[in-house]
Amino acid sequence: ITVGLSAMIGIGGGALLVPLLTFFSLDMKKAIGCASACGIVIALFGSVGYISSGSAHFALADGFLGFVYLPALFGIVCTSWFTAPLGAKATHHLPVTTIKKVFAVLLLAMAANMVMS
């Protein structure tokens, strides 16, 4: 249910897995790493599903691979390529209390965005 719900709303599982793992007494930094690894798996299977589901609807010549728009995919990959190491370094250097506060603010912002939509 966690993976299905998080994939459905497009947040990769981190917003659900990190609090769940910390609830079960896993260190916050390890929970973030585990959620990141799970996010890669969720993204991979989600992408395969969108590609196979939309293969009959869009042409590759239009920039689509199924329901995946390739220019947007390229932009997301390039941005993630450069910002993921920054996030990993920040996680290792920041105190756990600061990480928890930043994560709480991000969760509240996502919740507000979902309520407003």
Protein backbone atom coordinates (compact mmCIF):
# COMPACT_ATOMS: atom_id res chain seq x y z
CA ILE A 1 0.00 0.00 0.00
CA THR A 2 2.83 2.44 0.80
CA VAL A 3 4.49 2.02 -2.59
CA GLY A 4 1.19 2.14 -4.49
CA LEU A 5 -0.04 5.27 -2.73
CA SER A 6 3.25 7.12 -3.04
CA ALA A 7 3.62 6.24 -6.72
CA MET A 8 0.05 7.31 -7.35
CA ILE A 9 0.65 10.79 -5.97
CA GLY A 10 4.17 11.04 -7.41
CA ILE A 11 6.35 11.41 -4.33
CA GLY A 12 8.53 8.33 -4.70
CA GLY A 13 7.85 6.80 -1.32
CA GLY A 14 10.16 9.01 0.73
CA ALA A 15 7.34 10.93 2.36
CA LEU A 16 5.88 7.67 3.64
CA LEU A 17 8.91 5.45 4.10
CA VAL A 18 11.08 7.84 6.13
CA PRO A 19 8.47 8.43 8.87
CA LEU A 20 7.56 4.74 8.87
CA LEU A 21 11.19 3.60 9.23
CA THR A 22 11.93 6.18 11.94
CA PHE A 23 8.79 5.04 13.78
CA PHE A 24 10.33 1.56 13.86
CA SER A 25 13.52 3.02 15.41
CA LEU A 26 15.71 3.14 12.32
CA ASP A 27 18.23 5.99 12.36
CA MET A 28 16.96 9.00 10.38
CA LYS A 29 19.97 9.06 8.06
CA LYS A 30 19.62 5.35 7.29
CA ALA A 31 15.88 5.81 6.73
CA ILE A 32 16.58 8.54 4.18
CA GLY A 33 19.09 6.31 2.39
CA CYS A 34 16.69 3.38 2.35
CA ALA A 35 13.85 5.57 1.04
CA SER A 36 16.15 6.88 -1.69
CA ALA A 37 17.00 3.35 -2.78
CA CYS A 38 13.31 2.42 -2.78
CA GLY A 39 12.56 5.57 -4.80
CA ILE A 40 14.83 4.34 -7.58
CA VAL A 41 12.94 1.04 -7.75
CA ILE A 42 9.56 2.82 -7.66
CA ALA A 43 10.64 5.18 -10.46
CA LEU A 44 11.95 2.31 -12.58
CA PHE A 45 8.79 0.22 -12.35
CA GLY A 46 6.55 3.28 -12.69
CA SER A 47 8.39 4.33 -15.84
CA VAL A 48 8.13 0.85 -17.35
CA GLY A 49 4.40 0.89 -16.60
CA TYR A 50 3.88 4.31 -18.19
CA ILE A 51 5.92 3.32 -21.23
CA SER A 52 4.04 0.06 -21.79
CA SER A 53 0.61 1.57 -21.08
CA GLY A 54 1.06 4.48 -23.45
CA SER A 55 3.00 2.86 -26.27
CA ALA A 56 -0.10 2.80 -28.51
CA HIS A 57 -1.10 6.40 -27.75
CA PHE A 58 1.99 8.49 -28.55
CA ALA A 59 4.74 8.32 -31.17
CA LEU A 60 8.45 8.46 -30.45
CA ALA A 61 8.75 11.10 -33.17
CA ASP A 62 6.69 13.46 -30.97
CA GLY A 63 9.16 13.10 -28.10
CA PHE A 64 7.19 10.48 -26.19
CA LEU A 65 8.09 6.96 -25.15
CA GLY A 66 4.64 5.73 -24.16
CA PHE A 67 3.30 8.24 -21.64
CA VAL A 68 6.85 9.43 -20.79
CA TYR A 69 7.80 12.78 -22.35
CA LEU A 70 11.49 12.41 -23.13
CA PRO A 71 12.55 16.11 -22.92
CA ALA A 72 11.03 16.31 -19.41
CA LEU A 73 12.71 13.02 -18.46
CA PHE A 74 16.04 14.40 -19.66
CA GLY A 75 15.56 17.57 -17.59
CA ILE A 76 14.67 15.62 -14.45
CA VAL A 77 17.62 13.25 -14.88
CA CYS A 78 20.08 16.12 -15.42
CA THR A 79 18.78 18.04 -12.42
CA SER A 80 18.84 14.95 -10.20
CA TRP A 81 22.33 14.03 -11.38
CA PHE A 82 23.71 17.27 -9.92
CA THR A 83 21.47 17.79 -6.88
CA ALA A 84 21.35 14.25 -5.42
CA PRO A 85 24.99 14.37 -4.28
CA LEU A 86 24.32 17.73 -2.61
CA GLY A 87 21.40 16.23 -0.70
CA ALA A 88 23.46 13.23 0.33
CA LYS A 89 26.27 15.46 1.61
CA ALA A 90 23.78 17.64 3.49
CA THR A 91 22.27 14.56 5.12
CA HIS A 92 25.69 13.42 6.35
CA HIS A 93 26.73 16.81 7.70
CA LEU A 94 23.52 18.19 9.22
CA PRO A 95 22.38 17.21 12.70
CA VAL A 96 19.43 14.81 12.87
CA THR A 97 17.19 17.42 14.54
CA THR A 98 17.71 19.82 11.63
CA ILE A 99 16.99 17.06 9.11
CA LYS A 100 13.77 16.20 10.94
CA LYS A 101 12.64 19.83 10.94
CA VAL A 102 13.38 20.29 7.23
CA PHE A 103 11.61 17.02 6.43
CA ALA A 104 8.58 18.07 8.50
CA VAL A 105 8.35 21.38 6.62
CA LEU A 106 8.54 19.56 3.28
CA LEU A 107 5.80 17.13 4.35
CA LEU A 108 3.58 20.02 5.42
CA ALA A 109 4.19 21.80 2.11
CA MET A 110 3.28 18.64 0.17
CA ALA A 111 0.17 18.11 2.27
CA ALA A 112 -0.92 21.71 1.73
CA ASN A 113 -0.33 21.37 -2.00
CA MET A 114 -2.41 18.18 -2.11
CA VAL A 115 -5.24 19.76 -0.12
CA MET A 116 -5.27 22.85 -2.34
CA SER A 117 -5.41 20.78 -5.55
